[in-house]
Amino acid sequence: MSAKPIERRLRIRRVDDVDRGTAKMNPEMMKRLGIEDEVEIVIAGKKRYRFRVIPSEKVPVNEVWANSLELKQYGIADRTIATVRRPLRKE
């Protein structure tokens, strides 16, 4: 039997000083979710996006920060609530 992946509903924020393809998360939340180098963000159970993750103490525990232009391109509004977890499988 496989264990269910640990995931949390977190707020996604658009931030200009984050590089494309990366996301910033609080190190405490990364540890809770078992996230090491990549994070998967799932919007409405349908759209899935992967980002390389960078730990940052500046990010509140209940938020994930990503590049503003990239999120706009994906159609993700600022302050969107999304499911955040470690990627299910490597690509």
Protein backbone atom coordinates (compact mmCIF):
# COMPACT_ATOMS: atom_id res chain seq x y z
CA MET A 1 0.00 0.00 0.00
CA SER A 2 1.26 3.46 -0.80
CA ALA A 3 1.05 6.24 1.73
CA LYS A 4 -1.00 9.27 0.75
CA PRO A 5 1.27 12.22 -0.13
CA ILE A 6 1.35 15.04 2.38
CA GLU A 7 -0.20 18.18 0.94
CA ARG A 8 -1.55 21.49 2.20
CA ARG A 9 -3.76 24.25 0.87
CA LEU A 10 -1.60 27.37 0.73
CA ARG A 11 -1.96 30.86 -0.70
CA ILE A 12 -0.01 31.53 -3.93
CA ARG A 13 1.41 35.05 -4.17
CA ARG A 14 2.73 36.91 -7.21
CA VAL A 15 6.12 38.44 -6.35
CA ASP A 16 8.35 40.28 -8.83
CA ASP A 17 11.73 39.44 -7.27
CA VAL A 18 11.36 35.65 -7.74
CA ASP A 19 13.03 34.15 -10.83
CA ARG A 20 10.97 32.34 -13.48
CA GLY A 21 10.64 28.63 -12.83
CA THR A 22 11.27 28.98 -9.11
CA ALA A 23 9.12 29.42 -6.02
CA LYS A 24 9.99 30.54 -2.51
CA MET A 25 8.61 28.76 0.55
CA ASN A 26 9.09 28.92 4.28
CA PRO A 27 11.65 26.25 5.33
CA GLU A 28 9.37 25.03 8.14
CA MET A 29 6.54 24.28 5.68
CA MET A 30 8.99 22.63 3.28
CA LYS A 31 10.07 20.31 6.08
CA ARG A 32 6.45 19.48 7.01
CA LEU A 33 5.61 18.59 3.41
CA GLY A 34 8.86 16.74 2.71
CA ILE A 35 9.82 19.16 -0.06
CA GLU A 36 13.51 19.25 -0.92
CA ASP A 37 14.14 20.74 -4.36
CA GLU A 38 10.82 20.84 -6.28
CA VAL A 39 7.25 21.76 -5.44
CA GLU A 40 4.03 20.91 -7.28
CA ILE A 41 1.19 23.43 -7.22
CA VAL A 42 -2.27 22.13 -8.16
CA ILE A 43 -5.02 24.61 -9.03
CA ALA A 44 -8.63 23.38 -8.77
CA GLY A 45 -7.47 19.76 -8.99
CA LYS A 46 -6.78 20.16 -12.72
CA LYS A 47 -3.85 22.43 -13.52
CA ARG A 48 -0.48 21.24 -12.22
CA TYR A 49 2.68 23.30 -12.23
CA ARG A 50 6.18 22.41 -11.01
CA PHE A 51 8.70 24.86 -9.66
CA ARG A 52 12.20 24.56 -8.29
CA VAL A 53 11.88 25.65 -4.66
CA ILE A 54 14.07 28.01 -2.64
CA PRO A 55 13.71 28.22 1.16
CA SER A 56 13.17 31.74 2.53
CA GLU A 57 12.41 32.86 6.08
CA LYS A 58 10.72 35.99 4.63
CA VAL A 59 7.84 33.90 3.24
CA PRO A 60 4.96 33.36 5.69
CA VAL A 61 4.31 29.70 6.58
CA ASN A 62 0.94 29.64 4.79
CA GLU A 63 2.19 31.14 1.48
CA VAL A 64 4.21 30.25 -1.61
CA TRP A 65 5.79 33.06 -3.64
CA ALA A 66 6.35 32.72 -7.39
CA ASN A 67 7.22 34.97 -10.33
CA SER A 68 4.48 37.49 -11.06
CA LEU A 69 4.71 37.36 -14.86
CA GLU A 70 4.88 33.56 -14.93
CA LEU A 71 1.78 33.17 -12.75
CA LYS A 72 -0.04 35.72 -14.90
CA GLN A 73 0.91 33.67 -17.99
CA TYR A 74 -0.53 30.53 -16.35
CA GLY A 75 -3.73 32.40 -15.41
CA ILE A 76 -3.15 32.16 -11.65
CA ALA A 77 -4.42 35.19 -9.74
CA ASP A 78 -2.59 36.69 -6.78
CA ARG A 79 -3.67 35.20 -3.43
CA THR A 80 -5.10 32.05 -5.06
CA ILE A 81 -5.53 29.08 -2.71
CA ALA A 82 -3.90 25.96 -4.18
CA THR A 83 -2.82 22.49 -3.12
CA VAL A 84 0.94 22.38 -2.57
CA ARG A 85 2.93 19.14 -2.28
CA ARG A 86 6.12 17.34 -3.18
CA PRO A 87 5.91 16.17 -6.83
CA LEU A 88 4.37 12.69 -7.09
CA ARG A 89 7.03 11.45 -9.51
CA LYS A 90 10.19 12.81 -11.07
CA GLU A 91 10.15 13.92 -14.69
